[in-house]
Full PDB file with SEQRES, HELIX, SHEET, SSBOND, CRYST1, ORIGX, SCALE, CONECT and MASTER records, all heavy atoms in Angstrom:
SEQRES   1 A   43  ARG GLU ALA VAL GLU ALA THR GLY ARG ARG LYS LEU ILE          
SEQRES   2 A   43  PHE ALA GLY VAL SER LEU GLU VAL CYS ALA ALA LEU PRO          
SEQRES   3 A   43  ALA ILE ALA ALA THR ALA ALA GLY TYR ASP ALA TYR VAL          
SEQRES   4 A   43  ALA VAL ASP ALA                                              
HELIX    1 AA1 GLU A    2  THR A    7  1                                   6    
HELIX    2 AA2 LEU A   19  ALA A   23  3                                   5    
HELIX    3 AA3 ALA A   24  ALA A   32  1                                   9    
SHEET    1 AA1 2 LYS A  11  PHE A  14  0                                        
SHEET    2 AA1 2 ASP A  36  VAL A  39  1                                        
CRYST1    1.000    1.000    1.000  90.00  90.00  90.00 P 1           1          
ORIGX1      1.000000  0.000000  0.000000        0.00000                         
ORIGX2      0.000000  1.000000  0.000000        0.00000                         
ORIGX3      0.000000  0.000000  1.000000        0.00000                         
SCALE1      1.000000  0.000000  0.000000        0.00000                         
SCALE2      0.000000  1.000000  0.000000        0.00000                         
SCALE3      0.000000  0.000000  1.000000        0.00000                         
ATOM      1  N   ARG A   1     -88.599  47.781  48.686  1.00  0.00           N  
ATOM      2  CA  ARG A   1     -87.313  48.193  49.306  1.00  0.00           C  
ATOM      3  C   ARG A   1     -86.157  47.454  48.651  1.00  0.00           C  
ATOM      4  O   ARG A   1     -85.108  47.982  48.412  1.00  0.00           O  
ATOM      5  CB  ARG A   1     -87.419  47.973  50.867  1.00  0.00           C  
ATOM      6  CG  ARG A   1     -88.264  48.847  51.588  1.00  0.00           C  
ATOM      7  CD  ARG A   1     -88.005  48.859  53.054  1.00  0.00           C  
ATOM      8  NE  ARG A   1     -87.889  47.550  53.600  1.00  0.00           N  
ATOM      9  CZ  ARG A   1     -88.847  46.805  53.950  1.00  0.00           C  
ATOM     10  NH1 ARG A   1     -90.116  47.147  53.883  1.00  0.00           N  
ATOM     11  NH2 ARG A   1     -88.580  45.614  54.504  1.00  0.00           N  
ATOM     12  N   GLU A   2     -86.362  46.157  48.451  1.00  0.00           N  
ATOM     13  CA  GLU A   2     -85.236  45.443  47.852  1.00  0.00           C  
ATOM     14  C   GLU A   2     -84.939  45.858  46.495  1.00  0.00           C  
ATOM     15  O   GLU A   2     -83.738  45.874  46.072  1.00  0.00           O  
ATOM     16  CB  GLU A   2     -85.669  43.951  47.901  1.00  0.00           C  
ATOM     17  CG  GLU A   2     -85.588  43.339  49.246  1.00  0.00           C  
ATOM     18  CD  GLU A   2     -86.324  41.995  49.291  1.00  0.00           C  
ATOM     19  OE1 GLU A   2     -86.757  41.533  48.244  1.00  0.00           O  
ATOM     20  OE2 GLU A   2     -86.427  41.411  50.431  1.00  0.00           O  
ATOM     21  N   ALA A   3     -86.008  46.254  45.759  1.00  0.00           N  
ATOM     22  CA  ALA A   3     -85.657  46.721  44.350  1.00  0.00           C  
ATOM     23  C   ALA A   3     -85.003  48.021  44.371  1.00  0.00           C  
ATOM     24  O   ALA A   3     -84.161  48.284  43.590  1.00  0.00           O  
ATOM     25  CB  ALA A   3     -87.102  46.961  43.582  1.00  0.00           C  
ATOM     26  N   VAL A   4     -85.277  48.887  45.288  1.00  0.00           N  
ATOM     27  CA  VAL A   4     -84.595  50.119  45.597  1.00  0.00           C  
ATOM     28  C   VAL A   4     -83.139  49.900  45.895  1.00  0.00           C  
ATOM     29  O   VAL A   4     -82.230  50.468  45.382  1.00  0.00           O  
ATOM     30  CB  VAL A   4     -85.403  51.159  46.538  1.00  0.00           C  
ATOM     31  CG1 VAL A   4     -84.362  52.260  46.897  1.00  0.00           C  
ATOM     32  CG2 VAL A   4     -86.660  51.510  45.955  1.00  0.00           C  
ATOM     33  N   GLU A   5     -82.992  49.032  46.834  1.00  0.00           N  
ATOM     34  CA  GLU A   5     -81.682  48.742  47.338  1.00  0.00           C  
ATOM     35  C   GLU A   5     -80.811  48.062  46.128  1.00  0.00           C  
ATOM     36  O   GLU A   5     -79.585  48.425  46.104  1.00  0.00           O  
ATOM     37  CB  GLU A   5     -81.742  47.711  48.489  1.00  0.00           C  
ATOM     38  CG  GLU A   5     -82.300  48.310  49.811  1.00  0.00           C  
ATOM     39  CD  GLU A   5     -82.600  47.251  50.817  1.00  0.00           C  
ATOM     40  OE1 GLU A   5     -82.420  46.034  50.541  1.00  0.00           O  
ATOM     41  OE2 GLU A   5     -83.182  47.549  51.905  1.00  0.00           O  
ATOM     42  N   ALA A   6     -81.378  47.332  45.288  1.00  0.00           N  
ATOM     43  CA  ALA A   6     -80.646  46.738  44.209  1.00  0.00           C  
ATOM     44  C   ALA A   6     -80.129  47.722  43.266  1.00  0.00           C  
ATOM     45  O   ALA A   6     -79.231  47.419  42.502  1.00  0.00           O  
ATOM     46  CB  ALA A   6     -81.598  45.645  43.529  1.00  0.00           C  
ATOM     47  N   THR A   7     -80.759  48.950  43.153  1.00  0.00           N  
ATOM     48  CA  THR A   7     -80.227  49.941  42.280  1.00  0.00           C  
ATOM     49  C   THR A   7     -78.893  50.582  42.783  1.00  0.00           C  
ATOM     50  O   THR A   7     -78.152  51.164  41.956  1.00  0.00           O  
ATOM     51  CB  THR A   7     -81.234  51.069  42.160  1.00  0.00           C  
ATOM     52  OG1 THR A   7     -81.199  51.945  43.337  1.00  0.00           O  
ATOM     53  CG2 THR A   7     -82.627  50.656  41.814  1.00  0.00           C  
ATOM     54  N   GLY A   8     -78.615  50.500  44.055  1.00  0.00           N  
ATOM     55  CA  GLY A   8     -77.416  51.068  44.637  1.00  0.00           C  
ATOM     56  C   GLY A   8     -77.441  52.548  44.690  1.00  0.00           C  
ATOM     57  O   GLY A   8     -76.470  53.152  44.949  1.00  0.00           O  
ATOM     58  N   ARG A   9     -78.566  53.164  44.504  1.00  0.00           N  
ATOM     59  CA  ARG A   9     -78.654  54.533  44.475  1.00  0.00           C  
ATOM     60  C   ARG A   9     -79.194  55.188  45.792  1.00  0.00           C  
ATOM     61  O   ARG A   9     -80.000  54.361  46.412  1.00  0.00           O  
ATOM     62  CB  ARG A   9     -79.531  55.098  43.306  1.00  0.00           C  
ATOM     63  CG  ARG A   9     -79.311  54.474  41.996  1.00  0.00           C  
ATOM     64  CD  ARG A   9     -77.937  54.795  41.554  1.00  0.00           C  
ATOM     65  NE  ARG A   9     -77.549  54.093  40.290  1.00  0.00           N  
ATOM     66  CZ  ARG A   9     -77.751  54.727  39.007  1.00  0.00           C  
ATOM     67  NH1 ARG A   9     -78.312  55.864  39.011  1.00  0.00           N  
ATOM     68  NH2 ARG A   9     -77.399  54.091  37.921  1.00  0.00           N  
ATOM     69  N   ARG A  10     -78.741  56.311  46.231  1.00  0.00           N  
ATOM     70  CA  ARG A  10     -79.152  56.878  47.433  1.00  0.00           C  
ATOM     71  C   ARG A  10     -80.162  58.056  47.260  1.00  0.00           C  
ATOM     72  O   ARG A  10     -80.702  58.562  48.297  1.00  0.00           O  
ATOM     73  CB  ARG A  10     -77.912  57.378  48.288  1.00  0.00           C  
ATOM     74  CG  ARG A  10     -76.970  56.232  48.562  1.00  0.00           C  
ATOM     75  CD  ARG A  10     -77.588  55.184  49.438  1.00  0.00           C  
ATOM     76  NE  ARG A  10     -78.071  55.518  50.680  1.00  0.00           N  
ATOM     77  CZ  ARG A  10     -78.683  54.820  51.549  1.00  0.00           C  
ATOM     78  NH1 ARG A  10     -78.836  53.498  51.231  1.00  0.00           N  
ATOM     79  NH2 ARG A  10     -79.151  55.246  52.707  1.00  0.00           N  
ATOM     80  N   LYS A  11     -80.375  58.687  46.118  1.00  0.00           N  
ATOM     81  CA  LYS A  11     -81.243  59.728  45.981  1.00  0.00           C  
ATOM     82  C   LYS A  11     -82.350  59.180  45.125  1.00  0.00           C  
ATOM     83  O   LYS A  11     -82.251  58.686  43.932  1.00  0.00           O  
ATOM     84  CB  LYS A  11     -80.396  60.910  45.143  1.00  0.00           C  
ATOM     85  CG  LYS A  11     -79.488  61.635  45.987  1.00  0.00           C  
ATOM     86  CD  LYS A  11     -78.870  62.861  45.179  1.00  0.00           C  
ATOM     87  CE  LYS A  11     -78.090  63.607  46.115  1.00  0.00           C  
ATOM     88  NZ  LYS A  11     -78.743  64.334  47.227  1.00  0.00           N  
ATOM     89  N   LEU A  12     -83.563  59.258  45.734  1.00  0.00           N  
ATOM     90  CA  LEU A  12     -84.778  58.674  45.208  1.00  0.00           C  
ATOM     91  C   LEU A  12     -85.729  59.667  44.749  1.00  0.00           C  
ATOM     92  O   LEU A  12     -86.141  60.511  45.581  1.00  0.00           O  
ATOM     93  CB  LEU A  12     -85.391  57.702  46.219  1.00  0.00           C  
ATOM     94  CG  LEU A  12     -84.411  56.557  46.828  1.00  0.00           C  
ATOM     95  CD1 LEU A  12     -85.202  55.703  47.805  1.00  0.00           C  
ATOM     96  CD2 LEU A  12     -83.689  55.728  45.744  1.00  0.00           C  
ATOM     97  N   ILE A  13     -86.196  59.681  43.533  1.00  0.00           N  
ATOM     98  CA  ILE A  13     -87.077  60.593  42.978  1.00  0.00           C  
ATOM     99  C   ILE A  13     -88.464  59.893  42.897  1.00  0.00           C  
ATOM    100  O   ILE A  13     -88.650  58.976  42.132  1.00  0.00           O  
ATOM    101  CB  ILE A  13     -86.680  61.119  41.633  1.00  0.00           C  
ATOM    102  CG1 ILE A  13     -85.330  61.758  41.706  1.00  0.00           C  
ATOM    103  CG2 ILE A  13     -87.661  62.016  40.994  1.00  0.00           C  
ATOM    104  CD1 ILE A  13     -84.646  62.035  40.346  1.00  0.00           C  
ATOM    105  N   PHE A  14     -89.322  60.323  43.801  1.00  0.00           N  
ATOM    106  CA  PHE A  14     -90.692  59.704  43.862  1.00  0.00           C  
ATOM    107  C   PHE A  14     -91.692  60.445  43.048  1.00  0.00           C  
ATOM    108  O   PHE A  14     -91.658  61.667  43.025  1.00  0.00           O  
ATOM    109  CB  PHE A  14     -91.155  59.661  45.309  1.00  0.00           C  
ATOM    110  CG  PHE A  14     -90.428  58.567  46.139  1.00  0.00           C  
ATOM    111  CD1 PHE A  14     -89.247  58.991  46.869  1.00  0.00           C  
ATOM    112  CD2 PHE A  14     -90.847  57.266  46.296  1.00  0.00           C  
ATOM    113  CE1 PHE A  14     -88.508  58.099  47.615  1.00  0.00           C  
ATOM    114  CE2 PHE A  14     -90.265  56.439  47.101  1.00  0.00           C  
ATOM    115  CZ  PHE A  14     -89.012  56.769  47.755  1.00  0.00           C  
ATOM    116  N   ALA A  15     -92.724  59.765  42.501  1.00  0.00           N  
ATOM    117  CA  ALA A  15     -93.888  60.321  41.918  1.00  0.00           C  
ATOM    118  C   ALA A  15     -94.994  59.297  42.227  1.00  0.00           C  
ATOM    119  O   ALA A  15     -94.805  58.095  42.247  1.00  0.00           O  
ATOM    120  CB  ALA A  15     -93.801  60.723  40.498  1.00  0.00           C  
ATOM    121  N   GLY A  16     -96.281  59.832  42.489  1.00  0.00           N  
ATOM    122  CA  GLY A  16     -97.325  58.842  42.828  1.00  0.00           C  
ATOM    123  C   GLY A  16     -98.663  59.431  42.818  1.00  0.00           C  
ATOM    124  O   GLY A  16     -98.878  60.677  42.878  1.00  0.00           O  
ATOM    125  N   VAL A  17     -99.711  58.658  42.684  1.00  0.00           N  
ATOM    126  CA  VAL A  17    -101.078  58.925  42.827  1.00  0.00           C  
ATOM    127  C   VAL A  17    -101.685  58.144  43.935  1.00  0.00           C  
ATOM    128  O   VAL A  17    -101.614  56.889  43.857  1.00  0.00           O  
ATOM    129  CB  VAL A  17    -101.868  58.743  41.506  1.00  0.00           C  
ATOM    130  CG1 VAL A  17    -103.297  59.176  41.692  1.00  0.00           C  
ATOM    131  CG2 VAL A  17    -101.112  59.391  40.374  1.00  0.00           C  
ATOM    132  N   SER A  18    -102.048  58.761  45.077  1.00  0.00           N  
ATOM    133  CA  SER A  18    -102.124  60.131  45.367  1.00  0.00           C  
ATOM    134  C   SER A  18    -100.794  60.710  45.894  1.00  0.00           C  
ATOM    135  O   SER A  18    -100.037  60.026  46.578  1.00  0.00           O  
ATOM    136  CB  SER A  18    -103.244  60.455  46.227  1.00  0.00           C  
ATOM    137  OG  SER A  18    -103.053  59.901  47.538  1.00  0.00           O  
ATOM    138  N   LEU A  19    -100.648  61.995  45.781  1.00  0.00           N  
ATOM    139  CA  LEU A  19     -99.469  62.729  46.232  1.00  0.00           C  
ATOM    140  C   LEU A  19     -99.183  62.457  47.701  1.00  0.00           C  
ATOM    141  O   LEU A  19     -98.116  62.168  48.062  1.00  0.00           O  
ATOM    142  CB  LEU A  19     -99.598  64.200  45.852  1.00  0.00           C  
ATOM    143  CG  LEU A  19     -98.571  65.126  46.562  1.00  0.00           C  
ATOM    144  CD1 LEU A  19     -97.269  64.894  45.757  1.00  0.00           C  
ATOM    145  CD2 LEU A  19     -98.919  66.630  46.466  1.00  0.00           C  
ATOM    146  N   GLU A  20    -100.237  62.734  48.492  1.00  0.00           N  
ATOM    147  CA  GLU A  20    -100.135  62.756  49.951  1.00  0.00           C  
ATOM    148  C   GLU A  20     -99.982  61.340  50.555  1.00  0.00           C  
ATOM    149  O   GLU A  20     -99.581  61.251  51.761  1.00  0.00           O  
ATOM    150  CB  GLU A  20    -101.091  63.491  50.553  1.00  0.00           C  
ATOM    151  CG  GLU A  20    -102.465  62.855  50.782  1.00  0.00           C  
ATOM    152  CD  GLU A  20    -103.285  62.555  49.447  1.00  0.00           C  
ATOM    153  OE1 GLU A  20    -102.923  63.113  48.402  1.00  0.00           O  
ATOM    154  OE2 GLU A  20    -104.307  61.884  49.522  1.00  0.00           O  
ATOM    155  N   VAL A  21    -100.304  60.329  49.732  1.00  0.00           N  
ATOM    156  CA  VAL A  21    -100.073  58.997  50.264  1.00  0.00           C  
ATOM    157  C   VAL A  21     -99.053  58.177  49.479  1.00  0.00           C  
ATOM    158  O   VAL A  21     -98.006  57.792  49.911  1.00  0.00           O  
ATOM    159  CB  VAL A  21    -101.521  58.243  50.322  1.00  0.00           C  
ATOM    160  CG1 VAL A  21    -101.274  56.725  50.623  1.00  0.00           C  
ATOM    161  CG2 VAL A  21    -102.427  58.841  51.205  1.00  0.00           C  
ATOM    162  N   CYS A  22     -99.282  58.039  48.144  1.00  0.00           N  
ATOM    163  CA  CYS A  22     -98.526  57.138  47.308  1.00  0.00           C  
ATOM    164  C   CYS A  22     -97.087  57.650  47.146  1.00  0.00           C  
ATOM    165  O   CYS A  22     -96.136  56.956  47.033  1.00  0.00           O  
ATOM    166  CB  CYS A  22     -99.171  56.905  45.965  1.00  0.00           C  
ATOM    167  SG  CYS A  22    -100.891  56.218  46.027  1.00  0.00           S  
ATOM    168  N   ALA A  23     -96.980  59.091  46.994  1.00  0.00           N  
ATOM    169  CA  ALA A  23     -95.700  59.595  46.936  1.00  0.00           C  
ATOM    170  C   ALA A  23     -95.073  59.925  48.297  1.00  0.00           C  
ATOM    171  O   ALA A  23     -93.912  59.700  48.529  1.00  0.00           O  
ATOM    172  CB  ALA A  23     -95.752  60.910  45.938  1.00  0.00           C  
ATOM    173  N   ALA A  24     -95.906  60.722  49.055  1.00  0.00           N  
ATOM    174  CA  ALA A  24     -95.348  61.240  50.375  1.00  0.00           C  
ATOM    175  C   ALA A  24     -94.980  60.181  51.320  1.00  0.00           C  
ATOM    176  O   ALA A  24     -93.908  60.257  51.946  1.00  0.00           O  
ATOM    177  CB  ALA A  24     -96.357  62.219  50.960  1.00  0.00           C  
ATOM    178  N   LEU A  25     -95.795  59.165  51.536  1.00  0.00           N  
ATOM    179  CA  LEU A  25     -95.541  58.253  52.602  1.00  0.00           C  
ATOM    180  C   LEU A  25     -94.176  57.418  52.317  1.00  0.00           C  
ATOM    181  O   LEU A  25     -93.367  57.295  53.189  1.00  0.00           O  
ATOM    182  CB  LEU A  25     -96.681  57.299  52.835  1.00  0.00           C  
ATOM    183  CG  LEU A  25     -97.902  57.945  53.335  1.00  0.00           C  
ATOM    184  CD1 LEU A  25     -98.989  56.812  53.739  1.00  0.00           C  
ATOM    185  CD2 LEU A  25     -97.659  58.845  54.543  1.00  0.00           C  
ATOM    186  N   PRO A  26     -94.035  56.903  51.163  1.00  0.00           N  
ATOM    187  CA  PRO A  26     -92.742  56.219  50.895  1.00  0.00           C  
ATOM    188  C   PRO A  26     -91.512  57.142  50.828  1.00  0.00           C  
ATOM    189  O   PRO A  26     -90.375  56.805  51.261  1.00  0.00           O  
ATOM    190  CB  PRO A  26     -92.789  55.435  49.640  1.00  0.00           C  
ATOM    191  CG  PRO A  26     -93.964  56.129  48.920  1.00  0.00           C  
ATOM    192  CD  PRO A  26     -94.921  56.708  50.028  1.00  0.00           C  
ATOM    193  N   ALA A  27     -91.632  58.378  50.437  1.00  0.00           N  
ATOM    194  CA  ALA A  27     -90.636  59.369  50.386  1.00  0.00           C  
ATOM    195  C   ALA A  27     -90.278  59.702  51.863  1.00  0.00           C  
ATOM    196  O   ALA A  27     -88.983  59.770  52.179  1.00  0.00           O  
ATOM    197  CB  ALA A  27     -91.061  60.618  49.656  1.00  0.00           C  
ATOM    198  N   ILE A  28     -91.179  59.737  52.721  1.00  0.00           N  
ATOM    199  CA  ILE A  28     -90.949  60.080  54.173  1.00  0.00           C  
ATOM    200  C   ILE A  28     -90.247  58.979  54.857  1.00  0.00           C  
ATOM    201  O   ILE A  28     -89.352  59.064  55.546  1.00  0.00           O  
ATOM    202  CB  ILE A  28     -92.151  60.510  54.934  1.00  0.00           C  
ATOM    203  CG1 ILE A  28     -92.727  61.846  54.473  1.00  0.00           C  
ATOM    204  CG2 ILE A  28     -91.952  60.572  56.444  1.00  0.00           C  
ATOM    205  CD1 ILE A  28     -94.117  62.121  54.859  1.00  0.00           C  
ATOM    206  N   ALA A  29     -90.723  57.730  54.490  1.00  0.00           N  
ATOM    207  CA  ALA A  29     -90.076  56.476  55.090  1.00  0.00           C  
ATOM    208  C   ALA A  29     -88.653  56.338  54.564  1.00  0.00           C  
ATOM    209  O   ALA A  29     -87.760  55.934  55.385  1.00  0.00           O  
ATOM    210  CB  ALA A  29     -90.938  55.349  54.720  1.00  0.00           C  
ATOM    211  N   ALA A  30     -88.441  56.599  53.320  1.00  0.00           N  
ATOM    212  CA  ALA A  30     -87.106  56.555  52.756  1.00  0.00           C  
ATOM    213  C   ALA A  30     -86.172  57.492  53.351  1.00  0.00           C  
ATOM    214  O   ALA A  30     -85.000  57.156  53.599  1.00  0.00           O  
ATOM    215  CB  ALA A  30     -87.133  56.722  51.211  1.00  0.00           C  
ATOM    216  N   THR A  31     -86.616  58.782  53.579  1.00  0.00           N  
ATOM    217  CA  THR A  31     -85.883  59.645  54.374  1.00  0.00           C  
ATOM    218  C   THR A  31     -85.504  59.162  55.739  1.00  0.00           C  
ATOM    219  O   THR A  31     -84.255  59.249  56.109  1.00  0.00           O  
ATOM    220  CB  THR A  31     -86.639  61.005  54.450  1.00  0.00           C  
ATOM    221  OG1 THR A  31     -86.975  61.540  53.231  1.00  0.00           O  
ATOM    222  CG2 THR A  31     -85.866  62.036  55.191  1.00  0.00           C  
ATOM    223  N   ALA A  32     -86.437  58.606  56.412  1.00  0.00           N  
ATOM    224  CA  ALA A  32     -86.101  58.009  57.749  1.00  0.00           C  
ATOM    225  C   ALA A  32     -85.090  56.889  57.703  1.00  0.00           C  
ATOM    226  O   ALA A  32     -84.367  56.731  58.630  1.00  0.00           O  
ATOM    227  CB  ALA A  32     -87.428  57.458  58.405  1.00  0.00           C  
ATOM    228  N   ALA A  33     -85.052  56.141  56.498  1.00  0.00           N  
ATOM    229  CA  ALA A  33     -84.059  55.175  56.286  1.00  0.00           C  
ATOM    230  C   ALA A  33     -82.803  55.575  55.825  1.00  0.00           C  
ATOM    231  O   ALA A  33     -81.883  54.710  55.584  1.00  0.00           O  
ATOM    232  CB  ALA A  33     -84.651  54.036  55.431  1.00  0.00           C  
ATOM    233  N   GLY A  34     -82.567  56.931  55.748  1.00  0.00           N  
ATOM    234  CA  GLY A  34     -81.190  57.469  55.372  1.00  0.00           C  
ATOM    235  C   GLY A  34     -81.055  57.784  53.988  1.00  0.00           C  
ATOM    236  O   GLY A  34     -80.012  58.184  53.519  1.00  0.00           O  
ATOM    237  N   TYR A  35     -82.069  57.635  53.136  1.00  0.00           N  
ATOM    238  CA  TYR A  35     -81.979  58.061  51.644  1.00  0.00           C  
ATOM    239  C   TYR A  35     -82.313  59.555  51.565  1.00  0.00           C  
ATOM    240  O   TYR A  35     -82.932  60.067  52.479  1.00  0.00           O  
ATOM    241  CB  TYR A  35     -83.060  57.247  50.865  1.00  0.00           C  
ATOM    242  CG  TYR A  35     -82.690  55.818  50.692  1.00  0.00           C  
ATOM    243  CD1 TYR A  35     -83.032  54.823  51.711  1.00  0.00           C  
ATOM    244  CD2 TYR A  35     -82.045  55.367  49.554  1.00  0.00           C  
ATOM    245  CE1 TYR A  35     -82.712  53.504  51.530  1.00  0.00           C  
ATOM    246  CE2 TYR A  35     -81.735  53.974  49.388  1.00  0.00           C  
ATOM    247  CZ  TYR A  35     -82.142  53.161  50.359  1.00  0.00           C  
ATOM    248  OH  TYR A  35     -81.797  51.765  50.240  1.00  0.00           O  
ATOM    249  N   ASP A  36     -81.864  60.147  50.487  1.00  0.00           N  
ATOM    250  CA  ASP A  36     -82.318  61.485  50.079  1.00  0.00           C  
ATOM    251  C   ASP A  36     -83.528  61.320  49.127  1.00  0.00           C  
ATOM    252  O   ASP A  36     -83.515  60.827  48.043  1.00  0.00           O  
ATOM    253  CB  ASP A  36     -81.300  62.188  49.326  1.00  0.00           C  
ATOM    254  CG  ASP A  36     -79.987  62.331  50.212  1.00  0.00           C  
ATOM    255  OD1 ASP A  36     -80.071  62.186  51.418  1.00  0.00           O  
ATOM    256  OD2 ASP A  36     -78.986  62.725  49.583  1.00  0.00           O  
ATOM    257  N   ALA A  37     -84.722  61.814  49.639  1.00  0.00           N  
ATOM    258  CA  ALA A  37     -85.944  61.538  48.865  1.00  0.00           C  
ATOM    259  C   ALA A  37     -86.382  62.952  48.239  1.00  0.00           C  
ATOM    260  O   ALA A  37     -86.375  64.012  48.971  1.00  0.00           O  
ATOM    261  CB  ALA A  37     -87.040  61.110  49.862  1.00  0.00           C  
ATOM    262  N   TYR A  38     -86.869  62.778  47.033  1.00  0.00           N  
ATOM    263  CA  TYR A  38     -87.377  63.969  46.229  1.00  0.00           C  
ATOM    264  C   TYR A  38     -88.760  63.498  45.746  1.00  0.00           C  
ATOM    265  O   TYR A  38     -88.986  62.385  45.454  1.00  0.00           O  
ATOM    266  CB  TYR A  38     -86.439  64.284  45.064  1.00  0.00           C  
ATOM    267  CG  TYR A  38     -85.050  64.690  45.472  1.00  0.00           C  
ATOM    268  CD1 TYR A  38     -84.236  63.685  45.796  1.00  0.00           C  
ATOM    269  CD2 TYR A  38     -84.642  66.016  45.429  1.00  0.00           C  
ATOM    270  CE1 TYR A  38     -82.816  63.962  46.198  1.00  0.00           C  
ATOM    271  CE2 TYR A  38     -83.255  66.295  45.775  1.00  0.00           C  
ATOM    272  CZ  TYR A  38     -82.400  65.302  46.142  1.00  0.00           C  
ATOM    273  OH  TYR A  38     -81.150  65.639  46.597  1.00  0.00           O  
ATOM    274  N   VAL A  39     -89.632  64.489  45.602  1.00  0.00           N  
ATOM    275  CA  VAL A  39     -91.023  64.140  44.887  1.00  0.00           C  
ATOM    276  C   VAL A  39     -91.170  65.135  43.767  1.00  0.00           C  
ATOM    277  O   VAL A  39     -91.113  66.367  43.918  1.00  0.00           O  
ATOM    278  CB  VAL A  39     -92.048  64.254  45.958  1.00  0.00           C  
ATOM    279  CG1 VAL A  39     -93.432  64.174  45.295  1.00  0.00           C  
ATOM    280  CG2 VAL A  39     -91.978  63.126  46.946  1.00  0.00           C  
ATOM    281  N   ALA A  40     -91.491  64.558  42.652  1.00  0.00           N  
ATOM    282  CA  ALA A  40     -91.873  65.277  41.435  1.00  0.00           C  
ATOM    283  C   ALA A  40     -93.388  65.573  41.565  1.00  0.00           C  
ATOM    284  O   ALA A  40     -94.158  64.701  41.320  1.00  0.00           O  
ATOM    285  CB  ALA A  40     -91.610  64.584  40.163  1.00  0.00           C  
ATOM    286  N   VAL A  41     -93.757  66.819  42.015  1.00  0.00           N  
ATOM    287  CA  VAL A  41     -95.103  67.084  42.323  1.00  0.00           C  
ATOM    288  C   VAL A  41     -96.014  67.217  41.154  1.00  0.00           C  
ATOM    289  O   VAL A  41     -97.111  66.848  41.079  1.00  0.00           O  
ATOM    290  CB  VAL A  41     -95.197  68.407  43.070  1.00  0.00           C  
ATOM    291  CG1 VAL A  41     -94.492  68.203  44.399  1.00  0.00           C  
ATOM    292  CG2 VAL A  41     -94.688  69.564  42.410  1.00  0.00           C  
ATOM    293  N   ASP A  42     -95.380  67.450  39.967  1.00  0.00           N  
ATOM    294  CA  ASP A  42     -96.202  67.509  38.712  1.00  0.00           C  
ATOM    295  C   ASP A  42     -96.284  66.241  37.933  1.00  0.00           C  
ATOM    296  O   ASP A  42     -96.881  66.110  36.907  1.00  0.00           O  
ATOM    297  CB  ASP A  42     -95.790  68.644  37.724  1.00  0.00           C  
ATOM    298  CG  ASP A  42     -94.395  68.483  37.332  1.00  0.00           C  
ATOM    299  OD1 ASP A  42     -93.570  67.739  37.842  1.00  0.00           O  
ATOM    300  OD2 ASP A  42     -93.969  69.320  36.417  1.00  0.00           O  
ATOM    301  N   ALA A  43     -95.640  65.225  38.546  1.00  0.00           N  
ATOM    302  CA  ALA A  43     -95.834  63.825  38.027  1.00  0.00           C  
ATOM    303  C   ALA A  43     -96.649  62.989  39.107  1.00  0.00           C  
ATOM    304  O   ALA A  43     -96.611  61.723  39.094  1.00  0.00           O  
ATOM    305  CB  ALA A  43     -94.466  63.075  37.748  1.00  0.00           C  
TER     306      ALA A  43                                                      
MASTER        0    0    0    3    2    0    0    6  305    1    0    4          
END                                                                             
């Protein structure tokens, strides 16, 4: 979270393995924290 905050960016593009855990869970949590979360499904 601190590394993300240090970027100063509000739109976060996530990719992860596995999709439903590694990408989805932090993307959902970031959304709840007020960020705009995107997931690149083919990455």
